[in-house]
PDB file of all heavy atoms in Angstrom:
ATOM      1  N   GLY A   1     -22.152   3.289  28.542  1.00  0.00           N
ATOM      2  CA  GLY A   1     -20.740   3.560  28.937  1.00  0.00           C
ATOM      3  C   GLY A   1     -19.712   2.435  28.544  1.00  0.00           C
ATOM      4  O   GLY A   1     -18.591   2.464  28.777  1.00  0.00           O
ATOM      5  N   GLU A   2     -20.192   1.411  27.809  1.00  0.00           N
ATOM      6  CA  GLU A   2     -19.391   0.326  27.427  1.00  0.00           C
ATOM      7  C   GLU A   2     -19.180   0.263  25.933  1.00  0.00           C
ATOM      8  O   GLU A   2     -19.053  -0.852  25.431  1.00  0.00           O
ATOM      9  CB  GLU A   2     -20.075  -1.011  27.965  1.00  0.00           C
ATOM     10  CG  GLU A   2     -20.207  -1.266  29.478  1.00  0.00           C
ATOM     11  CD  GLU A   2     -18.895  -1.604  30.103  1.00  0.00           C
ATOM     12  OE1 GLU A   2     -17.943  -1.916  29.425  1.00  0.00           O
ATOM     13  OE2 GLU A   2     -18.890  -1.801  31.286  1.00  0.00           O
ATOM     14  N   GLY A   3     -18.938   1.346  25.405  1.00  0.00           N
ATOM     15  CA  GLY A   3     -18.800   1.385  23.956  1.00  0.00           C
ATOM     16  C   GLY A   3     -17.649   0.611  23.439  1.00  0.00           C
ATOM     17  O   GLY A   3     -17.759  -0.152  22.423  1.00  0.00           O
ATOM     18  N   GLU A   4     -16.548   0.690  24.156  1.00  0.00           N
ATOM     19  CA  GLU A   4     -15.357   0.063  23.655  1.00  0.00           C
ATOM     20  C   GLU A   4     -15.492  -1.490  23.765  1.00  0.00           C
ATOM     21  O   GLU A   4     -15.153  -2.254  22.879  1.00  0.00           O
ATOM     22  CB  GLU A   4     -14.048   0.468  24.554  1.00  0.00           C
ATOM     23  CG  GLU A   4     -12.779  -0.146  24.152  1.00  0.00           C
ATOM     24  CD  GLU A   4     -11.661   0.385  24.857  1.00  0.00           C
ATOM     25  OE1 GLU A   4     -11.834   1.520  25.519  1.00  0.00           O
ATOM     26  OE2 GLU A   4     -10.538  -0.332  24.909  1.00  0.00           O
ATOM     27  N   ALA A   5     -16.172  -1.996  24.834  1.00  0.00           N
ATOM     28  CA  ALA A   5     -16.291  -3.510  25.064  1.00  0.00           C
ATOM     29  C   ALA A   5     -17.339  -3.966  23.959  1.00  0.00           C
ATOM     30  O   ALA A   5     -17.156  -4.986  23.383  1.00  0.00           O
ATOM     31  CB  ALA A   5     -16.989  -3.675  26.415  1.00  0.00           C
ATOM     32  N   VAL A   6     -18.333  -3.149  23.625  1.00  0.00           N
ATOM     33  CA  VAL A   6     -19.258  -3.621  22.557  1.00  0.00           C
ATOM     34  C   VAL A   6     -18.588  -3.618  21.246  1.00  0.00           C
ATOM     35  O   VAL A   6     -18.813  -4.579  20.481  1.00  0.00           O
ATOM     36  CB  VAL A   6     -20.557  -2.623  22.532  1.00  0.00           C
ATOM     37  CG1 VAL A   6     -21.324  -2.965  21.328  1.00  0.00           C
ATOM     38  CG2 VAL A   6     -21.242  -2.749  23.871  1.00  0.00           C
ATOM     39  N   SER A   7     -17.757  -2.638  20.965  1.00  0.00           N
ATOM     40  CA  SER A   7     -17.053  -2.524  19.582  1.00  0.00           C
ATOM     41  C   SER A   7     -16.076  -3.693  19.565  1.00  0.00           C
ATOM     42  O   SER A   7     -15.996  -4.381  18.419  1.00  0.00           O
ATOM     43  CB  SER A   7     -16.141  -1.314  19.540  1.00  0.00           C
ATOM     44  OG  SER A   7     -17.055  -0.165  19.487  1.00  0.00           O
ATOM     45  N   GLU A   8     -15.435  -4.062  20.595  1.00  0.00           N
ATOM     46  CA  GLU A   8     -14.467  -5.226  20.614  1.00  0.00           C
ATOM     47  C   GLU A   8     -15.287  -6.588  20.372  1.00  0.00           C
ATOM     48  O   GLU A   8     -14.819  -7.352  19.694  1.00  0.00           O
ATOM     49  CB  GLU A   8     -13.755  -5.380  22.016  1.00  0.00           C
ATOM     50  CG  GLU A   8     -12.718  -6.417  22.095  1.00  0.00           C
ATOM     51  CD  GLU A   8     -11.965  -6.378  23.298  1.00  0.00           C
ATOM     52  OE1 GLU A   8     -12.070  -5.472  24.125  1.00  0.00           O
ATOM     53  OE2 GLU A   8     -11.310  -7.447  23.489  1.00  0.00           O
ATOM     54  N   LEU A   9     -16.459  -6.596  21.064  1.00  0.00           N
ATOM     55  CA  LEU A   9     -17.325  -7.766  20.839  1.00  0.00           C
ATOM     56  C   LEU A   9     -17.737  -7.988  19.296  1.00  0.00           C
ATOM     57  O   LEU A   9     -17.633  -8.990  18.746  1.00  0.00           O
ATOM     58  CB  LEU A   9     -18.532  -7.675  21.777  1.00  0.00           C
ATOM     59  CG  LEU A   9     -19.450  -8.826  21.708  1.00  0.00           C
ATOM     60  CD1 LEU A   9     -18.746 -10.105  22.215  1.00  0.00           C
ATOM     61  CD2 LEU A   9     -20.689  -8.500  22.677  1.00  0.00           C
ATOM     62  N   ARG A  10     -18.144  -6.832  18.708  1.00  0.00           N
ATOM     63  CA  ARG A  10     -18.459  -6.868  17.402  1.00  0.00           C
ATOM     64  C   ARG A  10     -17.399  -7.225  16.393  1.00  0.00           C
ATOM     65  O   ARG A  10     -17.535  -8.017  15.471  1.00  0.00           O
ATOM     66  CB  ARG A  10     -19.095  -5.505  16.859  1.00  0.00           C
ATOM     67  CG  ARG A  10     -20.413  -5.153  17.576  1.00  0.00           C
ATOM     68  CD  ARG A  10     -20.909  -3.843  16.990  1.00  0.00           C
ATOM     69  NE  ARG A  10     -21.846  -3.954  15.894  1.00  0.00           N
ATOM     70  CZ  ARG A  10     -21.419  -3.797  14.612  1.00  0.00           C
ATOM     71  NH1 ARG A  10     -20.098  -3.511  14.434  1.00  0.00           N
ATOM     72  NH2 ARG A  10     -22.180  -3.916  13.644  1.00  0.00           N
ATOM     73  N   ARG A  11     -16.240  -6.641  16.762  1.00  0.00           N
ATOM     74  CA  ARG A  11     -15.003  -6.980  15.889  1.00  0.00           C
ATOM     75  C   ARG A  11     -14.632  -8.432  15.939  1.00  0.00           C
ATOM     76  O   ARG A  11     -14.252  -8.902  14.909  1.00  0.00           O
ATOM     77  CB  ARG A  11     -13.793  -6.013  16.369  1.00  0.00           C
ATOM     78  CG  ARG A  11     -13.831  -4.684  15.774  1.00  0.00           C
ATOM     79  CD  ARG A  11     -12.472  -3.945  15.973  1.00  0.00           C
ATOM     80  NE  ARG A  11     -12.039  -4.057  17.406  1.00  0.00           N
ATOM     81  CZ  ARG A  11     -12.344  -3.109  18.311  1.00  0.00           C
ATOM     82  NH1 ARG A  11     -13.029  -2.022  17.798  1.00  0.00           N
ATOM     83  NH2 ARG A  11     -11.802  -3.163  19.494  1.00  0.00           N
ATOM     84  N   SER A  12     -14.637  -8.994  17.092  1.00  0.00           N
ATOM     85  CA  SER A  12     -14.259 -10.397  17.121  1.00  0.00           C
ATOM     86  C   SER A  12     -15.182 -11.295  16.356  1.00  0.00           C
ATOM     87  O   SER A  12     -14.736 -12.266  15.713  1.00  0.00           O
ATOM     88  CB  SER A  12     -14.239 -10.884  18.638  1.00  0.00           C
ATOM     89  OG  SER A  12     -15.515 -10.911  19.203  1.00  0.00           O
ATOM     90  N   ILE A  13     -16.498 -11.057  16.380  1.00  0.00           N
ATOM     91  CA  ILE A  13     -17.473 -11.857  15.584  1.00  0.00           C
ATOM     92  C   ILE A  13     -17.271 -11.594  14.212  1.00  0.00           C
ATOM     93  O   ILE A  13     -17.377 -12.552  13.343  1.00  0.00           O
ATOM     94  CB  ILE A  13     -18.858 -11.457  16.141  1.00  0.00           C
ATOM     95  CG1 ILE A  13     -19.128 -11.759  17.575  1.00  0.00           C
ATOM     96  CG2 ILE A  13     -19.914 -12.191  15.299  1.00  0.00           C
ATOM     97  CD1 ILE A  13     -20.257 -11.135  18.109  1.00  0.00           C
ATOM     98  N   ILE A  14     -17.085 -10.392  13.834  1.00  0.00           N
ATOM     99  CA  ILE A  14     -16.990 -10.042  12.257  1.00  0.00           C
ATOM    100  C   ILE A  14     -15.670 -10.768  11.928  1.00  0.00           C
ATOM    101  O   ILE A  14     -15.549 -11.309  10.693  1.00  0.00           O
ATOM    102  CB  ILE A  14     -16.792  -8.534  12.033  1.00  0.00           C
ATOM    103  CG1 ILE A  14     -18.190  -7.898  12.284  1.00  0.00           C
ATOM    104  CG2 ILE A  14     -16.393  -8.229  10.746  1.00  0.00           C
ATOM    105  CD1 ILE A  14     -18.300  -6.397  12.338  1.00  0.00           C
ATOM    106  N   GLN A  15     -14.628 -10.786  12.608  1.00  0.00           N
ATOM    107  CA  GLN A  15     -13.341 -11.497  12.190  1.00  0.00           C
ATOM    108  C   GLN A  15     -13.596 -12.967  11.994  1.00  0.00           C
ATOM    109  O   GLN A  15     -13.155 -13.500  10.950  1.00  0.00           O
ATOM    110  CB  GLN A  15     -12.268 -11.185  13.257  1.00  0.00           C
ATOM    111  CG  GLN A  15     -11.727  -9.734  13.207  1.00  0.00           C
ATOM    112  CD  GLN A  15     -10.697  -9.488  14.305  1.00  0.00           C
ATOM    113  OE1 GLN A  15     -10.489 -10.428  15.184  1.00  0.00           O
ATOM    114  NE2 GLN A  15     -10.199  -8.370  14.453  1.00  0.00           N
ATOM    115  N   TYR A  16     -14.419 -13.540  12.844  1.00  0.00           N
ATOM    116  CA  TYR A  16     -14.707 -14.990  12.758  1.00  0.00           C
ATOM    117  C   TYR A  16     -15.470 -15.247  11.478  1.00  0.00           C
ATOM    118  O   TYR A  16     -15.241 -16.125  10.804  1.00  0.00           O
ATOM    119  CB  TYR A  16     -15.440 -15.491  14.040  1.00  0.00           C
ATOM    120  CG  TYR A  16     -15.864 -16.863  13.960  1.00  0.00           C
ATOM    121  CD1 TYR A  16     -14.889 -17.700  14.849  1.00  0.00           C
ATOM    122  CD2 TYR A  16     -16.735 -17.428  13.259  1.00  0.00           C
ATOM    123  CE1 TYR A  16     -15.127 -19.164  14.854  1.00  0.00           C
ATOM    124  CE2 TYR A  16     -17.117 -18.844  13.320  1.00  0.00           C
ATOM    125  CZ  TYR A  16     -16.260 -19.698  14.089  1.00  0.00           C
ATOM    126  OH  TYR A  16     -16.322 -20.938  14.075  1.00  0.00           O
ATOM    127  N   VAL A  17     -16.461 -14.395  11.251  1.00  0.00           N
ATOM    128  CA  VAL A  17     -17.363 -14.546   9.986  1.00  0.00           C
ATOM    129  C   VAL A  17     -16.532 -14.451   8.769  1.00  0.00           C
ATOM    130  O   VAL A  17     -16.633 -15.149   7.961  1.00  0.00           O
ATOM    131  CB  VAL A  17     -18.457 -13.442  10.120  1.00  0.00           C
ATOM    132  CG1 VAL A  17     -19.281 -13.525   8.784  1.00  0.00           C
ATOM    133  CG2 VAL A  17     -19.372 -13.690  11.198  1.00  0.00           C
ATOM    134  N   ASP A  18     -15.653 -13.387   8.773  1.00  0.00           N
ATOM    135  CA  ASP A  18     -14.797 -13.235   7.548  1.00  0.00           C
ATOM    136  C   ASP A  18     -13.887 -14.217   7.436  1.00  0.00           C
ATOM    137  O   ASP A  18     -13.577 -14.631   6.209  1.00  0.00           O
ATOM    138  CB  ASP A  18     -14.106 -11.920   7.738  1.00  0.00           C
ATOM    139  CG  ASP A  18     -14.985 -10.583   7.593  1.00  0.00           C
ATOM    140  OD1 ASP A  18     -15.999 -10.730   7.171  1.00  0.00           O
ATOM    141  OD2 ASP A  18     -14.567  -9.401   7.923  1.00  0.00           O
ATOM    142  N   SER A  19     -13.307 -14.837   8.473  1.00  0.00           N
ATOM    143  CA  SER A  19     -12.415 -15.983   8.356  1.00  0.00           C
ATOM    144  C   SER A  19     -13.073 -17.168   7.739  1.00  0.00           C
ATOM    145  O   SER A  19     -12.565 -17.766   6.821  1.00  0.00           O
ATOM    146  CB  SER A  19     -11.841 -16.230   9.746  1.00  0.00           C
ATOM    147  OG  SER A  19     -10.918 -17.380   9.614  1.00  0.00           O
ATOM    148  N   TRP A  20     -14.361 -17.384   8.154  1.00  0.00           N
ATOM    149  CA  TRP A  20     -15.018 -18.635   7.644  1.00  0.00           C
ATOM    150  C   TRP A  20     -15.413 -18.419   6.243  1.00  0.00           C
ATOM    151  O   TRP A  20     -15.223 -19.317   5.303  1.00  0.00           O
ATOM    152  CB  TRP A  20     -16.383 -18.870   8.417  1.00  0.00           C
ATOM    153  CG  TRP A  20     -17.077 -20.146   8.087  1.00  0.00           C
ATOM    154  CD1 TRP A  20     -17.929 -20.382   7.071  1.00  0.00           C
ATOM    155  CD2 TRP A  20     -16.581 -21.458   8.413  1.00  0.00           C
ATOM    156  NE1 TRP A  20     -18.295 -21.653   6.931  1.00  0.00           N
ATOM    157  CE2 TRP A  20     -17.525 -22.370   7.685  1.00  0.00           C
ATOM    158  CE3 TRP A  20     -15.754 -22.007   9.364  1.00  0.00           C
ATOM    159  CZ2 TRP A  20     -17.397 -23.746   7.893  1.00  0.00           C
ATOM    160  CZ3 TRP A  20     -15.722 -23.352   9.594  1.00  0.00           C
ATOM    161  CH2 TRP A  20     -16.568 -24.235   8.845  1.00  0.00           C
ATOM    162  N   ARG A  21     -15.696 -17.184   5.831  1.00  0.00           N
ATOM    163  CA  ARG A  21     -16.086 -16.898   4.401  1.00  0.00           C
ATOM    164  C   ARG A  21     -14.854 -17.059   3.523  1.00  0.00           C
ATOM    165  O   ARG A  21     -14.906 -17.609   2.449  1.00  0.00           O
ATOM    166  CB  ARG A  21     -16.533 -15.463   4.257  1.00  0.00           C
ATOM    167  CG  ARG A  21     -17.014 -15.046   2.873  1.00  0.00           C
ATOM    168  CD  ARG A  21     -17.863 -13.732   2.758  1.00  0.00           C
ATOM    169  NE  ARG A  21     -17.291 -12.719   3.616  1.00  0.00           N
ATOM    170  CZ  ARG A  21     -17.776 -11.599   3.778  1.00  0.00           C
ATOM    171  NH1 ARG A  21     -19.034 -11.318   3.246  1.00  0.00           N
ATOM    172  NH2 ARG A  21     -17.270 -10.579   4.508  1.00  0.00           N
ATOM    173  N   ALA A  22     -13.671 -16.638   4.070  1.00  0.00           N
ATOM    174  CA  ALA A  22     -12.361 -16.855   3.291  1.00  0.00           C
ATOM    175  C   ALA A  22     -12.120 -18.344   3.071  1.00  0.00           C
ATOM    176  O   ALA A  22     -11.633 -18.773   2.047  1.00  0.00           O
ATOM    177  CB  ALA A  22     -11.265 -16.151   3.997  1.00  0.00           C
ATOM    178  N   THR A  23     -12.452 -19.197   4.170  1.00  0.00           N
ATOM    179  CA  THR A  23     -12.217 -20.588   4.007  1.00  0.00           C
ATOM    180  C   THR A  23     -13.085 -21.137   2.941  1.00  0.00           C
ATOM    181  O   THR A  23     -12.732 -21.950   2.049  1.00  0.00           O
ATOM    182  CB  THR A  23     -12.495 -21.300   5.418  1.00  0.00           C
ATOM    183  OG1 THR A  23     -11.650 -20.816   6.256  1.00  0.00           O
ATOM    184  CG2 THR A  23     -12.230 -22.797   5.186  1.00  0.00           C
ATOM    185  N   VAL A  24     -14.433 -20.744   2.864  1.00  0.00           N
ATOM    186  CA  VAL A  24     -15.299 -21.278   1.849  1.00  0.00           C
ATOM    187  C   VAL A  24     -14.878 -20.783   0.454  1.00  0.00           C
ATOM    188  O   VAL A  24     -14.951 -21.512  -0.398  1.00  0.00           O
ATOM    189  CB  VAL A  24     -16.748 -20.753   2.192  1.00  0.00           C
ATOM    190  CG1 VAL A  24     -17.664 -21.159   1.115  1.00  0.00           C
ATOM    191  CG2 VAL A  24     -17.175 -21.383   3.568  1.00  0.00           C
ATOM    192  N   ASN A  25     -14.427 -19.582   0.362  1.00  0.00           N
ATOM    193  CA  ASN A  25     -13.954 -19.043  -0.955  1.00  0.00           C
ATOM    194  C   ASN A  25     -12.720 -19.866  -1.471  1.00  0.00           C
ATOM    195  O   ASN A  25     -12.718 -20.092  -2.663  1.00  0.00           O
ATOM    196  CB  ASN A  25     -13.624 -17.523  -0.788  1.00  0.00           C
ATOM    197  CG  ASN A  25     -14.878 -16.609  -0.630  1.00  0.00           C
ATOM    198  OD1 ASN A  25     -16.040 -17.093  -0.950  1.00  0.00           O
ATOM    199  ND2 ASN A  25     -14.642 -15.486  -0.216  1.00  0.00           N
ATOM    200  N   LEU A  26     -11.897 -20.228  -0.522  1.00  0.00           N
ATOM    201  CA  LEU A  26     -10.729 -21.001  -1.113  1.00  0.00           C
ATOM    202  C   LEU A  26     -11.031 -22.392  -1.420  1.00  0.00           C
ATOM    203  O   LEU A  26     -10.547 -22.801  -2.423  1.00  0.00           O
ATOM    204  CB  LEU A  26      -9.748 -21.035   0.238  1.00  0.00           C
ATOM    205  CG  LEU A  26      -8.305 -21.632  -0.110  1.00  0.00           C
ATOM    206  CD1 LEU A  26      -7.545 -20.824  -1.273  1.00  0.00           C
ATOM    207  CD2 LEU A  26      -7.521 -21.727   1.174  1.00  0.00           C
ATOM    208  N   ALA A  27     -12.058 -22.929  -0.729  1.00  0.00           N
ATOM    209  CA  ALA A  27     -12.557 -24.257  -1.019  1.00  0.00           C
ATOM    210  C   ALA A  27     -13.255 -24.249  -2.482  1.00  0.00           C
ATOM    211  O   ALA A  27     -13.059 -25.060  -3.189  1.00  0.00           O
ATOM    212  CB  ALA A  27     -13.539 -24.788   0.010  1.00  0.00           C
TER     213      ALA A  27
END
C-alpha cells in the first residue's frame, strides 16, 4: 500500500544518479 512512497524513493535516487553522471560527462 506504499506505492507512492516507494516511487518517490526511487525517483530521488535516480535523480541523484543522473546528476552525478551529468557532472562526470561535463568533466
